[in-house]
Amino acid sequence: MRIRLPLAFRNLKIMACEDTVHGKEIMMRNRYWLVAVVALVVISCTTPKEKKSEVDALKINYSIRSVWPHDTEAFTQGLVIHKGQLYESTGQNGTSWIGLVDVSTGKLDKKVILDQRYFGEGIDILNNKVYQLTYQEHTGFVYNLKDFKKIKEWTYKSEGWGLTNDGTNIIMSDGTNQLHFLDTASLEIKKSVSVTDEQGPVKNLNELEFIDGYVYANVWQTNLIVKINPATGKVVGRLDLTQLYNDARNANPRMDVLNGIAWHPGTQSLLVTGKHWPHIYILKIDMAAKVAK
């Protein structure tokens, strides 16, 4: 037997169902609003960080003044300008030498050719002497600048990568984040400085150049040259030469990494090249130090 509810009860039941449905709709709308608000909060929090990461606070601006030819056979390890003359050292066993560069052709007048057991590395010139490192042979050489006759050899415990000087000390890199300051007479390490940037230690410091109180260093296997305060080891500027790398690669697909920095004080120009690069680029750079905030 079916029991028929009074009209009042039926209306109450319908109203209860409608309220339940309406409540569900309100809950769903509230849920949508909550998701939207959370999404806006996430976007507002992450967007500034993403924008900040896209801008390098230490970027050094530059422009290309000129382009010279470079010997594509040269596995460049060091580049130095002394009294207007450009010197270059090369590496790899059997093809390591030091020479004077003819800037009109890029070819080297070879003055020192290392025995094939040595893998040549960076060079520097100070007090009419030429200093040269070797890679893993733990041996350095000193030559008379006038005739390139060997004066002496010295040994070191680390690998040898790049050389420069601050007018008093020879400064050496060894592929780590360390810069070593050597006494010019004994060639013993007087002190070492750890190089860091806002991310921490900067490793793979390679070819070096001392310019107006700062050490500029190639970072091996990157297109970067970092500007270092030698007193603190802090990176105060960064030069991104990806544009030059791409240009060199288009001209010579067998080229290797960026390596080679020389400063011409007379024209305030920075010369850069790389291993087997077809060009030496002459740059004008922004010399102001930049410190990340």
C-alpha atoms as a PDB file:
ATOM      1  CA  MET A   1       0.000   0.000   0.000  1.00  0.00           C
ATOM      2  CA  ARG A   2       1.426   3.431  -0.976  1.00  0.00           C
ATOM      3  CA  ILE A   3       1.211   6.108   1.670  1.00  0.00           C
ATOM      4  CA  ARG A   4       0.585   9.543   0.313  1.00  0.00           C
ATOM      5  CA  LEU A   5       2.334  12.242   2.298  1.00  0.00           C
ATOM      6  CA  PRO A   6       0.571  15.426   3.066  1.00  0.00           C
ATOM      7  CA  LEU A   7       1.298  18.341   0.737  1.00  0.00           C
ATOM      8  CA  ALA A   8       3.234  20.221   3.419  1.00  0.00           C
ATOM      9  CA  PHE A   9       5.631  17.322   3.881  1.00  0.00           C
ATOM     10  CA  ARG A  10       6.123  16.943   0.126  1.00  0.00           C
ATOM     11  CA  ASN A  11       6.942  20.621  -0.240  1.00  0.00           C
ATOM     12  CA  LEU A  12       9.404  20.419   2.672  1.00  0.00           C
ATOM     13  CA  LYS A  13      11.181  17.474   1.022  1.00  0.00           C
ATOM     14  CA  ILE A  14      11.458  19.303  -2.312  1.00  0.00           C
ATOM     15  CA  MET A  15      12.817  22.392  -0.573  1.00  0.00           C
ATOM     16  CA  ALA A  16      15.393  20.253   1.256  1.00  0.00           C
ATOM     17  CA  CYS A  17      16.553  18.720  -2.040  1.00  0.00           C
ATOM     18  CA  GLU A  18      16.748  22.142  -3.677  1.00  0.00           C
ATOM     19  CA  ASP A  19      18.779  23.452  -0.731  1.00  0.00           C
ATOM     20  CA  THR A  20      21.155  20.493  -1.015  1.00  0.00           C
ATOM     21  CA  VAL A  21      21.679  21.075  -4.745  1.00  0.00           C
ATOM     22  CA  HIS A  22      22.086  24.790  -4.184  1.00  0.00           C
ATOM     23  CA  GLY A  23      24.605  24.113  -1.425  1.00  0.00           C
ATOM     24  CA  LYS A  24      26.608  21.875  -3.716  1.00  0.00           C
ATOM     25  CA  GLU A  25      26.656  24.578  -6.383  1.00  0.00           C
ATOM     26  CA  ILE A  26      27.897  27.108  -3.831  1.00  0.00           C
ATOM     27  CA  MET A  27      30.594  24.705  -2.658  1.00  0.00           C
ATOM     28  CA  MET A  28      31.710  24.065  -6.240  1.00  0.00           C
ATOM     29  CA  ARG A  29      31.849  27.789  -7.009  1.00  0.00           C
ATOM     30  CA  ASN A  30      33.828  28.404  -3.822  1.00  0.00           C
ATOM     31  CA  ARG A  31      36.213  25.638  -4.787  1.00  0.00           C
ATOM     32  CA  TYR A  32      36.763  27.203  -8.216  1.00  0.00           C
ATOM     33  CA  TRP A  33      37.419  30.583  -6.617  1.00  0.00           C
ATOM     34  CA  LEU A  34      39.900  29.000  -4.195  1.00  0.00           C
ATOM     35  CA  VAL A  35      41.830  27.339  -7.051  1.00  0.00           C
ATOM     36  CA  ALA A  36      41.888  30.620  -8.967  1.00  0.00           C
ATOM     37  CA  VAL A  37      43.204  32.557  -5.967  1.00  0.00           C
ATOM     38  CA  VAL A  38      45.931  29.979  -5.297  1.00  0.00           C
ATOM     39  CA  ALA A  39      46.966  30.095  -8.960  1.00  0.00           C
ATOM     40  CA  LEU A  40      47.215  33.884  -8.855  1.00  0.00           C
ATOM     41  CA  VAL A  41      49.316  33.738  -5.693  1.00  0.00           C
ATOM     42  CA  VAL A  42      51.686  31.182  -7.244  1.00  0.00           C
ATOM     43  CA  ILE A  43      52.039  33.237 -10.428  1.00  0.00           C
ATOM     44  CA  SER A  44      52.620  36.456  -8.508  1.00  0.00           C
ATOM     45  CA  CYS A  45      55.318  34.774  -6.402  1.00  0.00           C
ATOM     46  CA  THR A  46      57.172  32.993  -9.196  1.00  0.00           C
ATOM     47  CA  THR A  47      57.036  35.530 -12.015  1.00  0.00           C
ATOM     48  CA  PRO A  48      59.481  38.055 -10.523  1.00  0.00           C
ATOM     49  CA  LYS A  49      62.003  35.300  -9.787  1.00  0.00           C
ATOM     50  CA  GLU A  50      61.802  34.005 -13.341  1.00  0.00           C
ATOM     51  CA  LYS A  51      62.315  37.486 -14.740  1.00  0.00           C
ATOM     52  CA  LYS A  52      65.253  38.065 -12.403  1.00  0.00           C
ATOM     53  CA  SER A  53      66.988  34.864 -13.512  1.00  0.00           C
ATOM     54  CA  GLU A  54      66.860  36.009 -17.125  1.00  0.00           C
ATOM     55  CA  VAL A  55      68.960  39.109 -16.404  1.00  0.00           C
ATOM     56  CA  ASP A  56      72.634  38.708 -15.474  1.00  0.00           C
ATOM     57  CA  ALA A  57      73.418  41.432 -12.960  1.00  0.00           C
ATOM     58  CA  LEU A  58      77.141  40.965 -13.685  1.00  0.00           C
ATOM     59  CA  LYS A  59      76.899  41.217 -17.467  1.00  0.00           C
ATOM     60  CA  ILE A  60      79.680  43.181 -19.159  1.00  0.00           C
ATOM     61  CA  ASN A  61      78.636  44.829 -22.403  1.00  0.00           C
ATOM     62  CA  TYR A  62      80.969  44.840 -25.381  1.00  0.00           C
ATOM     63  CA  SER A  63      81.180  45.801 -29.036  1.00  0.00           C
ATOM     64  CA  ILE A  64      83.360  44.419 -31.832  1.00  0.00           C
ATOM     65  CA  ARG A  65      85.935  46.931 -33.050  1.00  0.00           C
ATOM     66  CA  SER A  66      87.691  44.714 -35.577  1.00  0.00           C
ATOM     67  CA  VAL A  67      88.364  41.117 -36.589  1.00  0.00           C
ATOM     68  CA  TRP A  68      91.814  39.717 -37.412  1.00  0.00           C
ATOM     69  CA  PRO A  69      92.697  36.356 -38.960  1.00  0.00           C
ATOM     70  CA  HIS A  70      93.842  33.549 -36.659  1.00  0.00           C
ATOM     71  CA  ASP A  71      95.711  30.363 -37.485  1.00  0.00           C
ATOM     72  CA  THR A  72      93.170  27.525 -37.328  1.00  0.00           C
ATOM     73  CA  GLU A  73      96.020  25.087 -36.663  1.00  0.00           C
ATOM     74  CA  ALA A  74      96.724  26.804 -33.364  1.00  0.00           C
ATOM     75  CA  PHE A  75      95.348  25.051 -30.272  1.00  0.00           C
ATOM     76  CA  THR A  76      95.484  28.315 -28.349  1.00  0.00           C
ATOM     77  CA  GLN A  77      96.530  28.200 -24.694  1.00  0.00           C
ATOM     78  CA  GLY A  78      97.874  31.696 -24.038  1.00  0.00           C
ATOM     79  CA  LEU A  79      97.686  35.140 -25.636  1.00  0.00           C
ATOM     80  CA  VAL A  80      99.800  38.135 -24.566  1.00  0.00           C
ATOM     81  CA  ILE A  81     100.527  41.618 -25.908  1.00  0.00           C
ATOM     82  CA  HIS A  82     103.919  43.027 -24.928  1.00  0.00           C
ATOM     83  CA  LYS A  83     105.158  46.366 -26.283  1.00  0.00           C
ATOM     84  CA  GLY A  84     102.706  46.185 -29.154  1.00  0.00           C
ATOM     85  CA  GLN A  85     103.647  42.653 -30.202  1.00  0.00           C
ATOM     86  CA  LEU A  86     101.189  39.765 -29.965  1.00  0.00           C
ATOM     87  CA  TYR A  87     102.501  36.461 -28.593  1.00  0.00           C
ATOM     88  CA  GLU A  88     100.653  33.143 -28.567  1.00  0.00           C
ATOM     89  CA  SER A  89     101.252  29.737 -27.000  1.00  0.00           C
ATOM     90  CA  THR A  90      99.653  26.509 -28.154  1.00  0.00           C
ATOM     91  CA  GLY A  91      99.057  23.064 -26.699  1.00  0.00           C
ATOM     92  CA  GLN A  92      98.781  19.335 -27.346  1.00  0.00           C
ATOM     93  CA  ASN A  93     101.680  16.920 -27.447  1.00  0.00           C
ATOM     94  CA  GLY A  94     103.771  17.461 -30.563  1.00  0.00           C
ATOM     95  CA  THR A  95     102.165  20.797 -31.470  1.00  0.00           C
ATOM     96  CA  SER A  96     103.077  22.976 -28.477  1.00  0.00           C
ATOM     97  CA  TRP A  97     104.981  26.155 -29.253  1.00  0.00           C
ATOM     98  CA  ILE A  98     105.377  29.855 -28.495  1.00  0.00           C
ATOM     99  CA  GLY A  99     105.415  32.350 -31.333  1.00  0.00           C
ATOM    100  CA  LEU A 100     104.977  35.936 -32.459  1.00  0.00           C
ATOM    101  CA  VAL A 101     101.722  36.451 -34.324  1.00  0.00           C
ATOM    102  CA  ASP A 102     101.585  38.216 -37.687  1.00  0.00           C
ATOM    103  CA  VAL A 103      98.259  40.007 -37.227  1.00  0.00           C
ATOM    104  CA  SER A 104      97.801  40.416 -40.990  1.00  0.00           C
ATOM    105  CA  THR A 105      97.790  36.640 -41.558  1.00  0.00           C
ATOM    106  CA  GLY A 106      97.334  35.101 -38.115  1.00  0.00           C
ATOM    107  CA  LYS A 107     100.389  32.902 -38.631  1.00  0.00           C
ATOM    108  CA  LEU A 108     102.997  32.367 -35.931  1.00  0.00           C
ATOM    109  CA  ASP A 109     106.722  32.920 -36.153  1.00  0.00           C
ATOM    110  CA  LYS A 110     107.627  30.047 -33.848  1.00  0.00           C
ATOM    111  CA  LYS A 111     110.285  30.848 -31.270  1.00  0.00           C
ATOM    112  CA  VAL A 112     109.926  27.875 -28.896  1.00  0.00           C
ATOM    113  CA  ILE A 113     108.867  24.361 -29.878  1.00  0.00           C
ATOM    114  CA  LEU A 114     108.357  22.007 -26.934  1.00  0.00           C
ATOM    115  CA  ASP A 115     109.421  18.413 -26.931  1.00  0.00           C
ATOM    116  CA  GLN A 116     106.456  16.209 -27.790  1.00  0.00           C
ATOM    117  CA  ARG A 117     106.333  14.846 -24.233  1.00  0.00           C
ATOM    118  CA  TYR A 118     105.111  18.272 -23.096  1.00  0.00           C
ATOM    119  CA  PHE A 119     101.585  19.627 -23.495  1.00  0.00           C
ATOM    120  CA  GLY A 120     102.041  23.399 -23.575  1.00  0.00           C
ATOM    121  CA  GLU A 121      99.740  25.755 -21.679  1.00  0.00           C
ATOM    122  CA  GLY A 122      99.551  29.456 -20.823  1.00  0.00           C
ATOM    123  CA  ILE A 123     102.335  32.043 -21.097  1.00  0.00           C
ATOM    124  CA  ASP A 124     103.124  35.437 -19.616  1.00  0.00           C
ATOM    125  CA  ILE A 125     105.820  38.083 -20.027  1.00  0.00           C
ATOM    126  CA  LEU A 126     107.326  39.998 -17.112  1.00  0.00           C
ATOM    127  CA  ASN A 127     110.724  41.650 -16.560  1.00  0.00           C
ATOM    128  CA  ASN A 128     111.938  40.631 -20.035  1.00  0.00           C
ATOM    129  CA  LYS A 129     111.242  36.983 -19.327  1.00  0.00           C
ATOM    130  CA  VAL A 130     108.698  34.628 -20.858  1.00  0.00           C
ATOM    131  CA  TYR A 131     107.023  32.167 -18.479  1.00  0.00           C
ATOM    132  CA  GLN A 132     105.333  29.032 -19.776  1.00  0.00           C
ATOM    133  CA  LEU A 133     103.277  26.291 -18.123  1.00  0.00           C
ATOM    134  CA  THR A 134     102.721  22.686 -19.118  1.00  0.00           C
ATOM    135  CA  TYR A 135      99.484  20.826 -18.527  1.00  0.00           C
ATOM    136  CA  GLN A 136     100.117  17.694 -16.455  1.00  0.00           C
ATOM    137  CA  GLU A 137     103.895  17.474 -16.548  1.00  0.00           C
ATOM    138  CA  HIS A 138     104.169  19.753 -13.474  1.00  0.00           C
ATOM    139  CA  THR A 139     106.947  21.687 -15.214  1.00  0.00           C
ATOM    140  CA  GLY A 140     107.255  25.354 -16.112  1.00  0.00           C
ATOM    141  CA  PHE A 141     109.845  27.078 -18.283  1.00  0.00           C
ATOM    142  CA  VAL A 142     111.412  30.545 -18.206  1.00  0.00           C
ATOM    143  CA  TYR A 143     112.941  32.050 -21.363  1.00  0.00           C
ATOM    144  CA  ASN A 144     114.858  35.203 -22.175  1.00  0.00           C
ATOM    145  CA  LEU A 145     112.450  37.422 -24.121  1.00  0.00           C
ATOM    146  CA  LYS A 146     115.176  38.726 -26.416  1.00  0.00           C
ATOM    147  CA  ASP A 147     116.285  35.415 -27.897  1.00  0.00           C
ATOM    148  CA  PHE A 148     113.924  32.847 -26.277  1.00  0.00           C
ATOM    149  CA  LYS A 149     116.813  30.902 -24.788  1.00  0.00           C
ATOM    150  CA  LYS A 150     115.697  28.847 -21.811  1.00  0.00           C
ATOM    151  CA  ILE A 151     116.871  30.307 -18.512  1.00  0.00           C
ATOM    152  CA  LYS A 152     115.414  27.836 -16.040  1.00  0.00           C
ATOM    153  CA  GLU A 153     112.721  25.303 -15.237  1.00  0.00           C
ATOM    154  CA  TRP A 154     110.532  25.022 -12.159  1.00  0.00           C
ATOM    155  CA  THR A 155     108.059  22.475 -10.837  1.00  0.00           C
ATOM    156  CA  TYR A 156     104.599  22.729  -9.270  1.00  0.00           C
ATOM    157  CA  LYS A 157     102.233  20.184  -7.770  1.00  0.00           C
ATOM    158  CA  SER A 158      99.014  21.096  -9.563  1.00  0.00           C
ATOM    159  CA  GLU A 159      98.127  21.098 -13.223  1.00  0.00           C
ATOM    160  CA  GLY A 160      99.186  24.159 -15.215  1.00  0.00           C
ATOM    161  CA  TRP A 161      96.516  26.158 -17.084  1.00  0.00           C
ATOM    162  CA  GLY A 162      96.811  29.947 -17.378  1.00  0.00           C
ATOM    163  CA  LEU A 163      99.261  32.732 -16.513  1.00  0.00           C
ATOM    164  CA  THR A 164      99.233  36.502 -16.082  1.00  0.00           C
ATOM    165  CA  ASN A 165     100.885  39.019 -13.741  1.00  0.00           C
ATOM    166  CA  ASP A 166      99.964  42.028 -11.626  1.00  0.00           C
ATOM    167  CA  GLY A 167     103.304  43.757 -12.154  1.00  0.00           C
ATOM    168  CA  THR A 168     104.788  42.121  -9.068  1.00  0.00           C
ATOM    169  CA  ASN A 169     103.614  38.505  -8.969  1.00  0.00           C
ATOM    170  CA  ILE A 170     103.008  35.822 -11.549  1.00  0.00           C
ATOM    171  CA  ILE A 171      99.367  34.692 -11.273  1.00  0.00           C
ATOM    172  CA  MET A 172      98.569  31.096 -12.183  1.00  0.00           C
ATOM    173  CA  SER A 173      95.398  29.048 -12.676  1.00  0.00           C
ATOM    174  CA  ASP A 174      95.238  25.267 -12.410  1.00  0.00           C
ATOM    175  CA  GLY A 175      91.720  24.383 -13.577  1.00  0.00           C
ATOM    176  CA  THR A 176      90.143  24.750 -10.155  1.00  0.00           C
ATOM    177  CA  ASN A 177      88.639  27.893  -8.621  1.00  0.00           C
ATOM    178  CA  GLN A 178      92.062  28.898  -7.251  1.00  0.00           C
ATOM    179  CA  LEU A 179      94.357  31.701  -8.366  1.00  0.00           C
ATOM    180  CA  HIS A 180      97.950  31.242  -7.170  1.00  0.00           C
ATOM    181  CA  PHE A 181     100.319  34.198  -6.736  1.00  0.00           C
ATOM    182  CA  LEU A 182     103.930  33.197  -7.432  1.00  0.00           C
ATOM    183  CA  ASP A 183     107.138  34.942  -6.442  1.00  0.00           C
ATOM    184  CA  THR A 184     108.952  35.873  -9.667  1.00  0.00           C
ATOM    185  CA  ALA A 185     112.371  34.842  -8.343  1.00  0.00           C
ATOM    186  CA  SER A 186     111.668  31.526  -6.613  1.00  0.00           C
ATOM    187  CA  LEU A 187     108.388  30.796  -8.433  1.00  0.00           C
ATOM    188  CA  GLU A 188     107.033  29.492  -5.153  1.00  0.00           C
ATOM    189  CA  ILE A 189     103.372  30.146  -4.297  1.00  0.00           C
ATOM    190  CA  LYS A 190     103.087  33.147  -1.955  1.00  0.00           C
ATOM    191  CA  LYS A 191      99.310  32.978  -1.558  1.00  0.00           C
ATOM    192  CA  SER A 192      96.182  31.553  -3.179  1.00  0.00           C
ATOM    193  CA  VAL A 193      92.732  33.085  -3.613  1.00  0.00           C
ATOM    194  CA  SER A 194      89.459  31.176  -4.057  1.00  0.00           C
ATOM    195  CA  VAL A 195      87.240  32.575  -6.812  1.00  0.00           C
ATOM    196  CA  THR A 196      83.486  32.676  -6.203  1.00  0.00           C
ATOM    197  CA  ASP A 197      80.388  34.275  -7.649  1.00  0.00           C
ATOM    198  CA  GLU A 198      76.800  34.470  -6.394  1.00  0.00           C
ATOM    199  CA  GLN A 199      76.389  30.725  -7.042  1.00  0.00           C
ATOM    200  CA  GLY A 200      79.541  29.625  -5.218  1.00  0.00           C
ATOM    201  CA  PRO A 201      83.010  28.476  -6.405  1.00  0.00           C
ATOM    202  CA  VAL A 202      83.883  29.228 -10.055  1.00  0.00           C
ATOM    203  CA  LYS A 203      85.880  26.239 -11.286  1.00  0.00           C
ATOM    204  CA  ASN A 204      87.780  25.587 -14.528  1.00  0.00           C
ATOM    205  CA  LEU A 205      89.544  28.958 -14.542  1.00  0.00           C
ATOM    206  CA  ASN A 206      91.797  28.853 -17.582  1.00  0.00           C
ATOM    207  CA  GLU A 207      93.618  31.535 -19.596  1.00  0.00           C
ATOM    208  CA  LEU A 208      94.181  34.749 -17.619  1.00  0.00           C
ATOM    209  CA  GLU A 209      94.755  38.457 -18.223  1.00  0.00           C
ATOM    210  CA  PHE A 210      95.370  41.237 -15.685  1.00  0.00           C
ATOM    211  CA  ILE A 211      93.582  44.444 -16.670  1.00  0.00           C
ATOM    212  CA  ASP A 212      93.392  47.629 -14.596  1.00  0.00           C
ATOM    213  CA  GLY A 213      93.544  45.871 -11.242  1.00  0.00           C
ATOM    214  CA  TYR A 214      91.330  42.900 -12.100  1.00  0.00           C
ATOM    215  CA  VAL A 215      91.999  39.360 -13.318  1.00  0.00           C
ATOM    216  CA  TYR A 216      89.989  38.283 -16.351  1.00  0.00           C
ATOM    217  CA  ALA A 217      89.694  34.512 -16.783  1.00  0.00           C
ATOM    218  CA  ASN A 218      88.284  32.191 -19.399  1.00  0.00           C
ATOM    219  CA  VAL A 219      86.010  29.576 -17.822  1.00  0.00           C
ATOM    220  CA  TRP A 220      86.875  26.370 -19.665  1.00  0.00           C
ATOM    221  CA  GLN A 221      84.141  24.781 -21.802  1.00  0.00           C
ATOM    222  CA  THR A 222      81.950  27.868 -21.551  1.00  0.00           C
ATOM    223  CA  ASN A 223      81.670  31.064 -23.547  1.00  0.00           C
ATOM    224  CA  LEU A 224      82.315  33.146 -20.444  1.00  0.00           C
ATOM    225  CA  ILE A 225      85.132  35.382 -19.288  1.00  0.00           C
ATOM    226  CA  VAL A 226      84.817  36.368 -15.632  1.00  0.00           C
ATOM    227  CA  LYS A 227      86.222  39.546 -14.089  1.00  0.00           C
ATOM    228  CA  ILE A 228      87.738  38.836 -10.663  1.00  0.00           C
ATOM    229  CA  ASN A 229      88.751  41.051  -7.791  1.00  0.00           C
ATOM    230  CA  PRO A 230      92.176  39.513  -7.006  1.00  0.00           C
ATOM    231  CA  ALA A 231      92.101  40.685  -3.388  1.00  0.00           C
ATOM    232  CA  THR A 232      88.877  38.869  -2.504  1.00  0.00           C
ATOM    233  CA  GLY A 233      88.378  36.359  -5.323  1.00  0.00           C
ATOM    234  CA  LYS A 234      84.892  37.778  -5.899  1.00  0.00           C
ATOM    235  CA  VAL A 235      83.574  37.788  -9.473  1.00  0.00           C
ATOM    236  CA  VAL A 236      82.504  41.357 -10.254  1.00  0.00           C
ATOM    237  CA  GLY A 237      81.697  41.002 -13.945  1.00  0.00           C
ATOM    238  CA  ARG A 238      80.887  38.438 -16.608  1.00  0.00           C
ATOM    239  CA  LEU A 239      81.470  38.626 -20.360  1.00  0.00           C
ATOM    240  CA  ASP A 240      79.289  36.269 -22.420  1.00  0.00           C
ATOM    241  CA  LEU A 241      80.911  35.670 -25.830  1.00  0.00           C
ATOM    242  CA  THR A 242      78.405  33.162 -27.209  1.00  0.00           C
ATOM    243  CA  GLN A 243      77.900  35.405 -30.244  1.00  0.00           C
ATOM    244  CA  LEU A 244      81.606  35.179 -31.105  1.00  0.00           C
ATOM    245  CA  TYR A 245      81.668  31.418 -30.524  1.00  0.00           C
ATOM    246  CA  ASN A 246      78.786  30.939 -32.951  1.00  0.00           C
ATOM    247  CA  ASP A 247      80.420  33.192 -35.527  1.00  0.00           C
ATOM    248  CA  ALA A 248      83.708  31.280 -35.299  1.00  0.00           C
ATOM    249  CA  ARG A 249      81.900  27.945 -35.497  1.00  0.00           C
ATOM    250  CA  ASN A 250      80.099  28.997 -38.668  1.00  0.00           C
ATOM    251  CA  ALA A 251      83.447  29.851 -40.240  1.00  0.00           C
ATOM    252  CA  ASN A 252      85.253  26.725 -38.988  1.00  0.00           C
ATOM    253  CA  PRO A 253      83.090  23.825 -37.717  1.00  0.00           C
ATOM    254  CA  ARG A 254      86.162  22.005 -36.345  1.00  0.00           C
ATOM    255  CA  MET A 255      86.998  24.824 -33.958  1.00  0.00           C
ATOM    256  CA  ASP A 256      87.155  24.203 -30.208  1.00  0.00           C
ATOM    257  CA  VAL A 257      86.456  26.216 -27.065  1.00  0.00           C
ATOM    258  CA  LEU A 258      86.967  29.895 -26.319  1.00  0.00           C
ATOM    259  CA  ASN A 259      90.476  30.432 -24.925  1.00  0.00           C
ATOM    260  CA  GLY A 260      92.866  33.344 -25.240  1.00  0.00           C
ATOM    261  CA  ILE A 261      92.698  36.855 -23.735  1.00  0.00           C
ATOM    262  CA  ALA A 262      95.079  39.742 -24.391  1.00  0.00           C
ATOM    263  CA  TRP A 263      94.814  43.407 -23.426  1.00  0.00           C
ATOM    264  CA  HIS A 264      96.096  46.254 -25.566  1.00  0.00           C
ATOM    265  CA  PRO A 265      96.449  49.213 -23.188  1.00  0.00           C
ATOM    266  CA  GLY A 266      97.187  51.710 -25.929  1.00  0.00           C
ATOM    267  CA  THR A 267      93.840  51.235 -27.634  1.00  0.00           C
ATOM    268  CA  GLN A 268      91.978  49.943 -24.560  1.00  0.00           C
ATOM    269  CA  SER A 269      91.021  46.865 -26.569  1.00  0.00           C
ATOM    270  CA  LEU A 270      90.441  43.289 -25.476  1.00  0.00           C
ATOM    271  CA  LEU A 271      91.614  40.589 -27.890  1.00  0.00           C
ATOM    272  CA  VAL A 272      89.919  37.187 -27.637  1.00  0.00           C
ATOM    273  CA  THR A 273      90.125  33.984 -29.619  1.00  0.00           C
ATOM    274  CA  GLY A 274      89.901  30.219 -29.132  1.00  0.00           C
ATOM    275  CA  LYS A 275      91.390  26.867 -30.006  1.00  0.00           C
ATOM    276  CA  HIS A 276      91.396  26.465 -33.813  1.00  0.00           C
ATOM    277  CA  TRP A 277      89.331  29.644 -34.176  1.00  0.00           C
ATOM    278  CA  PRO A 278      89.611  31.389 -37.557  1.00  0.00           C
ATOM    279  CA  HIS A 279      89.462  34.868 -36.012  1.00  0.00           C
ATOM    280  CA  ILE A 280      90.858  37.050 -33.269  1.00  0.00           C
ATOM    281  CA  TYR A 281      88.168  39.486 -32.143  1.00  0.00           C
ATOM    282  CA  ILE A 282      89.120  42.966 -30.981  1.00  0.00           C
ATOM    283  CA  LEU A 283      86.556  44.198 -28.486  1.00  0.00           C
ATOM    284  CA  LYS A 284      85.663  47.367 -26.658  1.00  0.00           C
ATOM    285  CA  ILE A 285      84.290  46.451 -23.248  1.00  0.00           C
ATOM    286  CA  ASP A 286      82.529  48.221 -20.387  1.00  0.00           C
ATOM    287  CA  MET A 287      85.289  48.482 -17.791  1.00  0.00           C
ATOM    288  CA  ALA A 288      83.067  49.384 -14.819  1.00  0.00           C
ATOM    289  CA  ALA A 289      82.963  46.698 -12.128  1.00  0.00           C
ATOM    290  CA  LYS A 290      79.536  45.197 -11.519  1.00  0.00           C
ATOM    291  CA  VAL A 291      78.650  43.671  -8.178  1.00  0.00           C
ATOM    292  CA  ALA A 292      75.545  41.494  -7.781  1.00  0.00           C
ATOM    293  CA  LYS A 293      73.065  42.763  -5.225  1.00  0.00           C
END
